[in-house]
């Protein structure tokens, strides 16, 4: 800087120190000072800042002072190591706008970086452990009431979530206890129903046989004959109801679980059902007919369930049919599939209720409700049978009158 100013030759500070001043474009200027007194001979020169004096006395080579954010002048000193009024130069400057912008950006960036660092520290030290605890509690909640998978002990972590975890463990234990009690009660009830149904079969069968024999041997008037017929029909219904109760209980216990090599001949099932319900159809004044192919029609199904399912459908058709009507059981084979249809010309049901007839507690139209006194088990067992055997159970209104129920599936 000394070489640039050419102090002795050009500027003439030594000749006129009281007028020495070099203006700058930024609004500042350069002044000369005595290195010993730090006083300028130029009356226009600013007072030397005390911080710069202290820095020079401490041995600083080029002391600097600026106010980056306030917008005031800054000061830069260059000792020339000369005696007299020109031993020290002081630059008073203000053109540092870029420095101020960079400083603000630096501070803003530091603030953002600090916030990010604090957030990351908070996440890893505080939030992340909390999230893991919440995830653990959520998983525990999903396993409540299950026998397997639920942690046997509460974790050893002592935090705000421990109270919730202990509460979940206590609720899980109570749920398991209640669940087992309900299962035991339900199982005892099923066994009781099964025993009652089994015990009722023999007296009901004997009652039915006695009533049928009485009707054959005795000449009765029309009123007595009507009541006897009604008693026989009610006896058949009681027999069907007790069998359905027994079958449903055994279904729930897995008694009829389908085995891989289990077979059923639909032809034999159709023949047995037709023979069993022929007398009931005669009592109702309904003609029961059946047709099937010659030979065997073998399918993969449980034979007891198959006969019970078909019997329930036929029983409904006879029970709700019109006196003097018809019920037909038709078994067809098409390529590798079978179609077992039960058709009647009774009152039928409405279109909107076709998909509800397989529900356990369904009750149909008024026409089919005239004699409805059961628990709705029959078609539910038929649906359970078709589901187990991978068959389809369809209900469709006949073109003229009545209902058509079809069981469809693959041959064995």
Protein backbone atom coordinates (compact mmCIF):
# COMPACT_ATOMS: atom_id res chain seq x y z
CA UNK A 1 0.00 0.00 0.00
CA UNK A 2 2.96 2.34 0.72
CA UNK A 3 4.32 1.78 -2.77
CA UNK A 4 0.90 2.49 -4.28
CA UNK A 5 0.39 5.76 -2.43
CA UNK A 6 3.93 6.96 -3.14
CA UNK A 7 3.66 9.06 -0.06
CA UNK A 8 6.85 11.11 -0.27
CA UNK A 9 6.85 11.82 -4.00
CA UNK A 10 3.26 12.31 -5.03
CA UNK A 11 1.01 13.01 -2.09
CA UNK A 12 3.29 15.26 -0.16
CA UNK A 13 2.10 14.25 3.35
CA UNK A 14 5.41 15.36 4.80
CA UNK A 15 5.08 18.83 3.21
CA UNK A 16 1.41 19.42 4.07
CA UNK A 17 0.21 16.92 6.66
CA UNK A 18 -2.62 19.25 7.70
CA UNK A 19 -4.18 18.87 4.24
CA UNK A 20 -3.42 15.22 3.64
CA UNK A 21 -6.61 13.41 2.65
CA UNK A 22 -7.35 10.91 -0.12
CA UNK A 23 -11.11 10.68 -0.83
CA UNK A 24 -12.62 7.25 -1.69
CA UNK A 25 -15.60 6.51 -3.97
CA UNK A 26 -17.52 4.86 -1.14
CA UNK A 27 -17.65 8.13 0.81
CA UNK A 28 -14.67 7.44 3.04
CA UNK A 29 -11.09 8.69 2.86
CA UNK A 30 -7.46 7.99 3.87
CA UNK A 31 -5.84 10.11 6.57
CA UNK A 32 -2.35 10.28 8.10
CA UNK A 33 -1.66 10.03 11.84
CA UNK A 34 1.27 10.34 14.17
CA UNK A 35 2.28 6.82 15.19
CA UNK A 36 3.19 7.97 18.71
CA UNK A 37 0.18 10.15 19.55
CA UNK A 38 -2.42 8.63 17.15
CA UNK A 39 -3.49 12.20 16.29
CA UNK A 40 -3.85 13.52 12.74
CA UNK A 41 -2.60 16.95 11.68
CA UNK A 42 -5.67 17.23 9.42
CA UNK A 43 -8.57 18.70 11.42
CA UNK A 44 -11.05 16.82 9.18
CA UNK A 45 -9.63 13.45 10.11
CA UNK A 46 -11.76 11.29 12.43
CA UNK A 47 -10.56 10.38 15.89
CA UNK A 48 -8.56 7.19 15.91
CA UNK A 49 -10.84 4.41 17.38
CA UNK A 50 -9.52 3.22 20.73
CA UNK A 51 -9.82 -0.45 19.70
CA UNK A 52 -7.35 0.17 16.87
CA UNK A 53 -4.96 1.96 19.22
CA UNK A 54 -5.09 -0.99 21.59
CA UNK A 55 -4.47 -3.45 18.77
CA UNK A 56 -1.44 -1.44 17.50
CA UNK A 57 0.02 -1.27 20.98
CA UNK A 58 -0.39 -5.02 21.24
CA UNK A 59 1.64 -5.47 18.08
CA UNK A 60 -1.08 -5.98 15.50
CA UNK A 61 0.26 -5.29 12.03
CA UNK A 62 -2.89 -4.21 10.22
CA UNK A 63 -5.69 -3.61 12.76
CA UNK A 64 -9.23 -3.54 11.35
CA UNK A 65 -12.55 -2.35 12.78
CA UNK A 66 -15.91 -2.47 10.99
CA UNK A 67 -19.60 -2.60 11.90
CA UNK A 68 -20.93 -5.15 9.47
CA UNK A 69 -24.62 -5.00 10.44
CA UNK A 70 -25.16 -1.41 11.55
CA UNK A 71 -24.02 0.23 8.31
CA UNK A 72 -21.46 2.56 10.01
CA UNK A 73 -17.95 3.30 8.63
CA UNK A 74 -15.18 0.83 9.15
CA UNK A 75 -11.49 1.56 9.76
CA UNK A 76 -8.31 -0.03 8.47
CA UNK A 77 -4.82 1.01 9.65
CA UNK A 78 -1.42 0.66 7.95
CA UNK A 79 1.58 1.53 10.14
CA UNK A 80 4.39 3.00 8.01
CA UNK A 81 7.00 2.91 10.76
CA UNK A 82 7.88 6.57 10.18
CA UNK A 83 8.30 9.36 12.65
CA UNK A 84 6.09 12.43 12.63
CA UNK A 85 2.55 13.10 11.42
CA UNK A 86 2.75 10.60 8.57
CA UNK A 87 3.73 7.48 10.49
CA UNK A 88 0.29 5.80 10.31
CA UNK A 89 -2.43 5.69 7.65
CA UNK A 90 -6.10 5.20 8.53
CA UNK A 91 -8.62 4.19 5.87
CA UNK A 92 -12.19 5.13 6.64
CA UNK A 93 -14.36 2.93 4.36
CA UNK A 94 -17.97 1.94 3.82
CA UNK A 95 -18.11 -0.13 0.62
CA UNK A 96 -18.68 -3.57 2.16
CA UNK A 97 -22.24 -4.35 1.03
CA UNK A 98 -21.32 -7.78 -0.33
CA UNK A 99 -19.69 -8.67 2.97
CA UNK A 100 -22.85 -7.73 4.84
CA UNK A 101 -25.03 -9.88 2.59
CA UNK A 102 -22.67 -12.80 2.95
CA UNK A 103 -22.60 -12.32 6.70
CA UNK A 104 -26.39 -12.35 6.92
CA UNK A 105 -26.54 -15.43 4.71
CA UNK A 106 -23.90 -17.09 6.86
CA UNK A 107 -25.83 -16.33 10.05
CA UNK A 108 -29.11 -17.46 8.52
CA UNK A 109 -27.46 -20.64 7.31
CA UNK A 110 -25.99 -21.28 10.74
CA UNK A 111 -29.42 -20.81 12.30
CA UNK A 112 -30.96 -23.30 9.86
CA UNK A 113 -28.15 -25.75 10.41
CA UNK A 114 -28.54 -25.42 14.17
CA UNK A 115 -32.29 -26.00 13.94
CA UNK A 116 -31.72 -29.06 11.74
CA UNK A 117 -29.10 -30.39 14.14
CA UNK A 118 -31.44 -29.85 17.10
CA UNK A 119 -34.27 -31.58 15.21
CA UNK A 120 -32.08 -34.57 14.36
CA UNK A 121 -30.85 -34.82 17.92
CA UNK A 122 -34.42 -34.62 19.18
CA UNK A 123 -35.51 -37.28 16.68
CA UNK A 124 -32.78 -39.78 17.54
CA UNK A 125 -32.72 -39.13 21.28
CA UNK A 126 -36.38 -38.45 21.99
CA UNK A 127 -38.81 -38.99 19.12
CA UNK A 128 -37.38 -42.16 17.64
CA UNK A 129 -37.47 -44.13 20.92
CA UNK A 130 -41.04 -42.91 21.44
CA UNK A 131 -41.99 -44.03 17.95
CA UNK A 132 -40.49 -47.47 18.62
CA UNK A 133 -42.45 -47.73 21.86
CA UNK A 134 -45.69 -46.69 20.12
CA UNK A 135 -45.04 -49.26 17.37
CA UNK A 136 -44.48 -51.92 20.02
CA UNK A 137 -47.70 -51.01 21.82
CA UNK A 138 -49.60 -51.05 18.51
CA UNK A 139 -48.28 -54.54 17.76
CA UNK A 140 -49.20 -55.72 21.26
CA UNK A 141 -52.70 -54.31 20.84
CA UNK A 142 -53.19 -56.27 17.61
CA UNK A 143 -52.30 -59.51 19.43
CA UNK A 144 -54.63 -59.01 22.39
CA UNK A 145 -56.93 -61.95 22.99
CA UNK A 146 -54.79 -64.36 20.90
CA UNK A 147 -53.25 -67.41 22.50
CA UNK A 148 -50.03 -67.13 20.49
CA UNK A 149 -47.67 -64.25 19.82
CA UNK A 150 -48.51 -61.98 22.75
CA UNK A 151 -45.43 -61.13 24.90
CA UNK A 152 -45.48 -63.06 28.14
CA UNK A 153 -43.78 -60.32 30.18
CA UNK A 154 -43.79 -56.52 30.27
CA UNK A 155 -40.58 -54.91 28.95
CA UNK A 156 -38.12 -53.60 31.53
CA UNK A 157 -38.19 -50.08 30.07
CA UNK A 158 -39.49 -47.62 32.65
CA UNK A 159 -41.14 -44.72 30.80
CA UNK A 160 -44.51 -43.08 30.26
CA UNK A 161 -45.60 -45.95 28.04
CA UNK A 162 -45.03 -48.59 30.71
CA UNK A 163 -48.41 -47.85 32.32
CA UNK A 164 -50.16 -48.44 28.98
CA UNK A 165 -48.20 -51.63 28.37
CA UNK A 166 -49.04 -53.02 31.81
CA UNK A 167 -52.69 -52.15 31.22
CA UNK A 168 -52.64 -53.99 27.87
CA UNK A 169 -51.11 -57.07 29.48
CA UNK A 170 -53.78 -57.08 32.17
CA UNK A 171 -56.54 -56.67 29.59
CA UNK A 172 -55.02 -59.49 27.50
CA UNK A 173 -55.08 -61.86 30.48
CA UNK A 174 -58.71 -61.00 31.20
CA UNK A 175 -59.66 -61.45 27.54
CA UNK A 176 -58.05 -64.88 27.43
CA UNK A 177 -59.82 -65.89 30.61
CA UNK A 178 -63.21 -64.71 29.34
CA UNK A 179 -62.55 -66.29 25.96
CA UNK A 180 -61.80 -69.68 27.49
CA UNK A 181 -64.86 -69.47 29.72
CA UNK A 182 -67.06 -68.63 26.72
CA UNK A 183 -65.53 -71.46 24.71
CA UNK A 184 -66.11 -73.90 27.55
CA UNK A 185 -69.70 -72.70 27.96
CA UNK A 186 -70.36 -72.93 24.22
CA UNK A 187 -68.81 -76.37 24.03
CA UNK A 188 -70.86 -77.58 27.00
CA UNK A 189 -74.01 -76.18 25.39
CA UNK A 190 -73.23 -77.90 22.08
CA UNK A 191 -72.63 -81.16 23.83
CA UNK A 192 -75.87 -80.75 25.72
CA UNK A 193 -77.80 -80.06 22.51
CA UNK A 194 -76.17 -83.01 20.85
CA UNK A 195 -77.11 -85.29 23.75
CA UNK A 196 -80.69 -83.98 23.82
CA UNK A 197 -81.07 -84.39 20.06
CA UNK A 198 -79.65 -87.89 20.23
CA UNK A 199 -81.97 -88.87 23.09
CA UNK A 200 -85.03 -87.47 21.32
CA UNK A 201 -84.49 -89.40 18.10
CA UNK A 202 -85.79 -92.73 19.40
CA UNK A 203 -89.02 -91.51 21.08
CA UNK A 204 -89.84 -89.24 18.14
CA UNK A 205 -89.33 -92.11 15.68
CA UNK A 206 -91.51 -94.35 17.83
CA UNK A 207 -94.20 -91.67 18.02
CA UNK A 208 -94.15 -91.18 14.26
CA UNK A 209 -94.41 -94.92 13.66
CA UNK A 210 -97.33 -95.23 16.10
CA UNK A 211 -99.21 -92.34 14.50
CA UNK A 212 -98.72 -93.74 11.01
CA UNK A 213 -99.85 -97.21 12.12
CA UNK A 214 -102.91 -95.68 13.80
CA UNK A 215 -103.87 -93.91 10.63
CA UNK A 216 -103.56 -97.13 8.62
CA UNK A 217 -105.63 -99.27 10.98
CA UNK A 218 -108.39 -96.89 12.09
CA UNK A 219 -111.20 -95.46 10.06
CA UNK A 220 -111.41 -91.85 11.21
CA UNK A 221 -113.75 -89.03 10.39
CA UNK A 222 -112.42 -86.06 8.46
CA UNK A 223 -111.67 -83.92 11.54
CA UNK A 224 -109.85 -86.69 13.35
CA UNK A 225 -107.98 -87.61 10.18
CA UNK A 226 -106.90 -83.96 9.76
CA UNK A 227 -105.54 -83.75 13.31
CA UNK A 228 -103.78 -87.08 12.98
CA UNK A 229 -102.17 -85.96 9.74
CA UNK A 230 -101.06 -82.74 11.42
CA UNK A 231 -99.57 -84.72 14.30
CA UNK A 232 -97.63 -86.94 11.89
CA UNK A 233 -96.27 -83.88 10.05
CA UNK A 234 -95.23 -82.24 13.32
CA UNK A 235 -93.53 -85.45 14.35
CA UNK A 236 -91.58 -85.50 11.08
CA UNK A 237 -90.65 -81.88 11.65
CA UNK A 238 -89.44 -82.64 15.20
CA UNK A 239 -87.35 -85.50 13.87
CA UNK A 240 -85.81 -83.22 11.23
CA UNK A 241 -85.22 -80.46 13.78
CA UNK A 242 -83.43 -82.74 16.26
CA UNK A 243 -81.29 -84.19 13.47
CA UNK A 244 -80.38 -80.69 12.29
CA UNK A 245 -79.44 -79.66 15.82
CA UNK A 246 -77.26 -82.71 16.14
CA UNK A 247 -75.67 -82.19 12.72
CA UNK A 248 -74.96 -78.51 13.35
CA UNK A 249 -73.34 -79.30 16.71
CA UNK A 250 -71.15 -81.92 15.09
CA UNK A 251 -70.25 -79.51 12.30
CA UNK A 252 -68.99 -76.99 14.85
CA UNK A 253 -66.93 -79.70 16.51
CA UNK A 254 -65.34 -80.69 13.19
CA UNK A 255 -66.97 -84.12 13.24
CA UNK A 256 -67.75 -84.02 9.50
CA UNK A 257 -64.37 -82.74 8.35
CA UNK A 258 -63.98 -83.86 4.75
CA UNK A 259 -61.27 -86.45 4.10
CA UNK A 260 -59.26 -86.62 0.91
CA UNK A 261 -60.63 -89.99 -0.24
CA UNK A 262 -64.23 -89.63 1.00
CA UNK A 263 -66.86 -90.42 -1.64
CA UNK A 264 -70.63 -90.14 -1.95
CA UNK A 265 -72.95 -91.64 -4.56
CA UNK A 266 -75.63 -89.06 -5.36
CA UNK A 267 -77.87 -91.75 -6.84
CA UNK A 268 -78.08 -93.61 -3.52
CA UNK A 269 -78.64 -90.34 -1.64
CA UNK A 270 -81.49 -89.33 -3.95
CA UNK A 271 -83.14 -92.74 -3.61
CA UNK A 272 -82.95 -92.74 0.19
CA UNK A 273 -84.26 -89.17 0.54
CA UNK A 274 -87.13 -89.84 -1.87
CA UNK A 275 -88.13 -92.98 0.02
CA UNK A 276 -87.90 -91.27 3.40
CA UNK A 277 -90.05 -88.26 2.47
CA UNK A 278 -92.55 -90.07 0.26
CA UNK A 279 -94.95 -90.73 3.15
CA UNK A 280 -94.76 -87.10 4.31
CA UNK A 281 -95.52 -85.96 0.77
CA UNK A 282 -98.57 -88.26 0.67
CA UNK A 283 -99.77 -86.85 3.98
CA UNK A 284 -99.55 -83.37 2.47
CA UNK A 285 -101.29 -84.46 -0.71
CA UNK A 286 -98.11 -83.75 -2.71
CA UNK A 287 -96.64 -85.98 -5.38
CA UNK A 288 -92.91 -86.58 -4.86
CA UNK A 289 -90.98 -87.81 -7.91
CA UNK A 290 -87.30 -88.35 -8.54
CA UNK A 291 -85.11 -89.12 -11.55
CA UNK A 292 -81.40 -89.91 -11.88
CA UNK A 293 -78.96 -91.52 -14.36
CA UNK A 294 -78.33 -95.25 -14.38
CA UNK A 295 -75.27 -96.35 -12.48
CA UNK A 296 -73.30 -94.25 -9.98
CA UNK A 297 -72.70 -90.51 -9.72
CA UNK A 298 -69.68 -90.26 -7.41
CA UNK A 299 -68.62 -86.97 -5.83
CA UNK A 300 -66.11 -85.91 -3.18
CA UNK A 301 -68.42 -85.26 -0.21
CA UNK A 302 -69.45 -86.56 3.19
CA UNK A 303 -72.40 -88.95 2.67
CA UNK A 304 -74.18 -88.11 5.96
CA UNK A 305 -74.02 -84.36 5.27
CA UNK A 306 -75.05 -84.88 1.65
CA UNK A 307 -78.19 -86.78 2.66
CA UNK A 308 -78.98 -84.27 5.42
CA UNK A 309 -78.55 -81.28 3.05
CA UNK A 310 -80.73 -82.81 0.31
CA UNK A 311 -83.30 -83.95 2.89
CA UNK A 312 -83.59 -80.43 4.33
CA UNK A 313 -84.23 -78.93 0.90
CA UNK A 314 -86.81 -81.59 -0.02
CA UNK A 315 -88.48 -81.27 3.38
CA UNK A 316 -88.86 -77.50 2.87
CA UNK A 317 -90.33 -78.02 -0.59
CA UNK A 318 -92.92 -80.52 0.75
CA UNK A 319 -93.65 -78.57 3.91
CA UNK A 320 -94.36 -75.28 2.17
CA UNK A 321 -95.89 -76.75 -1.00
CA UNK A 322 -99.52 -76.43 -1.95
CA UNK A 323 -101.79 -79.41 -1.34
CA UNK A 324 -102.14 -81.35 -4.58
CA UNK A 325 -98.82 -79.94 -5.80
CA UNK A 326 -95.62 -81.57 -6.98
CA UNK A 327 -92.01 -81.85 -5.85
CA UNK A 328 -89.31 -83.34 -8.09
CA UNK A 329 -85.70 -84.37 -7.41
CA UNK A 330 -83.71 -84.45 -10.67
CA UNK A 331 -80.06 -85.51 -10.92
CA UNK A 332 -78.24 -84.81 -14.20
CA UNK A 333 -74.64 -85.33 -15.30
CA UNK A 334 -73.10 -82.97 -17.87
CA UNK A 335 -69.58 -83.99 -18.90
CA UNK A 336 -67.59 -83.89 -15.64
CA UNK A 337 -70.16 -82.03 -13.54
CA UNK A 338 -73.44 -82.89 -11.83
CA UNK A 339 -76.64 -80.84 -11.41
CA UNK A 340 -78.97 -81.87 -8.60
CA UNK A 341 -82.20 -79.87 -8.75
CA UNK A 342 -85.18 -79.82 -6.37
CA UNK A 343 -88.23 -78.23 -7.99
CA UNK A 344 -91.65 -77.44 -6.52
CA UNK A 345 -94.77 -75.61 -7.65
CA UNK A 346 -95.46 -74.05 -4.26
CA UNK A 347 -95.84 -70.34 -3.41
CA UNK A 348 -92.14 -69.59 -3.90
CA UNK A 349 -90.43 -66.47 -2.54
CA UNK A 350 -89.86 -62.93 -3.76
CA UNK A 351 -86.95 -61.97 -6.00
CA UNK A 352 -85.37 -59.73 -3.35
CA UNK A 353 -85.25 -62.59 -0.84
CA UNK A 354 -83.60 -65.16 -3.11
CA UNK A 355 -80.14 -64.42 -1.72
CA UNK A 356 -81.33 -64.47 1.90
CA UNK A 357 -82.86 -67.95 2.01
CA UNK A 358 -79.55 -69.55 3.05
CA UNK A 359 -79.22 -67.36 6.14
CA UNK A 360 -79.75 -69.18 9.43
CA UNK A 361 -82.62 -67.06 10.77
CA UNK A 362 -84.26 -66.23 7.45
CA UNK A 363 -88.05 -66.30 7.21
CA UNK A 364 -89.59 -66.06 3.78
CA UNK A 365 -92.81 -64.62 2.44
CA UNK A 366 -96.13 -65.00 4.23
CA UNK A 367 -97.01 -67.92 2.00
CA UNK A 368 -93.98 -69.86 3.26
CA UNK A 369 -94.45 -68.63 6.81
CA UNK A 370 -97.84 -70.16 7.35
CA UNK A 371 -96.33 -73.22 8.95
CA UNK A 372 -92.89 -71.87 9.84
CA UNK A 373 -91.93 -72.96 13.35
CA UNK A 374 -88.28 -74.02 13.00
CA UNK A 375 -84.94 -72.44 13.82
CA UNK A 376 -83.83 -71.91 10.23
CA UNK A 377 -81.12 -74.60 10.51
CA UNK A 378 -81.98 -76.68 7.45
CA UNK A 379 -80.74 -74.47 4.63
CA UNK A 380 -77.83 -73.33 6.79
CA UNK A 381 -76.64 -76.94 6.98
CA UNK A 382 -77.15 -77.28 3.22
CA UNK A 383 -74.97 -74.21 2.68
CA UNK A 384 -72.31 -75.54 5.06
CA UNK A 385 -72.27 -78.82 3.15
CA UNK A 386 -71.85 -77.18 -0.26
CA UNK A 387 -69.13 -74.88 1.07
CA UNK A 388 -67.23 -77.82 2.54
CA UNK A 389 -67.48 -79.84 -0.68
CA UNK A 390 -66.69 -76.88 -3.01
CA UNK A 391 -70.17 -77.14 -4.56
CA UNK A 392 -72.51 -74.31 -5.51
CA UNK A 393 -75.99 -73.84 -4.02
CA UNK A 394 -78.38 -71.74 -6.14
CA UNK A 395 -81.97 -70.60 -5.67
CA UNK A 396 -84.10 -69.59 -8.62
CA UNK A 397 -87.79 -68.98 -9.22
CA UNK A 398 -89.47 -71.38 -11.64
CA UNK A 399 -90.81 -69.92 -14.86
CA UNK A 400 -94.41 -70.82 -13.97
CA UNK A 401 -94.60 -71.15 -10.19
CA UNK A 402 -92.57 -72.31 -7.24
CA UNK A 403 -88.86 -72.54 -6.50
CA UNK A 404 -85.90 -74.36 -8.01
CA UNK A 405 -82.92 -75.20 -5.79
CA UNK A 406 -79.78 -76.53 -7.49
CA UNK A 407 -76.58 -78.07 -6.15
CA UNK A 408 -73.78 -78.06 -8.72
CA UNK A 409 -70.23 -79.41 -8.61
CA UNK A 410 -67.48 -81.58 -10.02
CA UNK A 411 -67.58 -85.35 -10.17
CA UNK A 412 -64.97 -87.29 -8.23
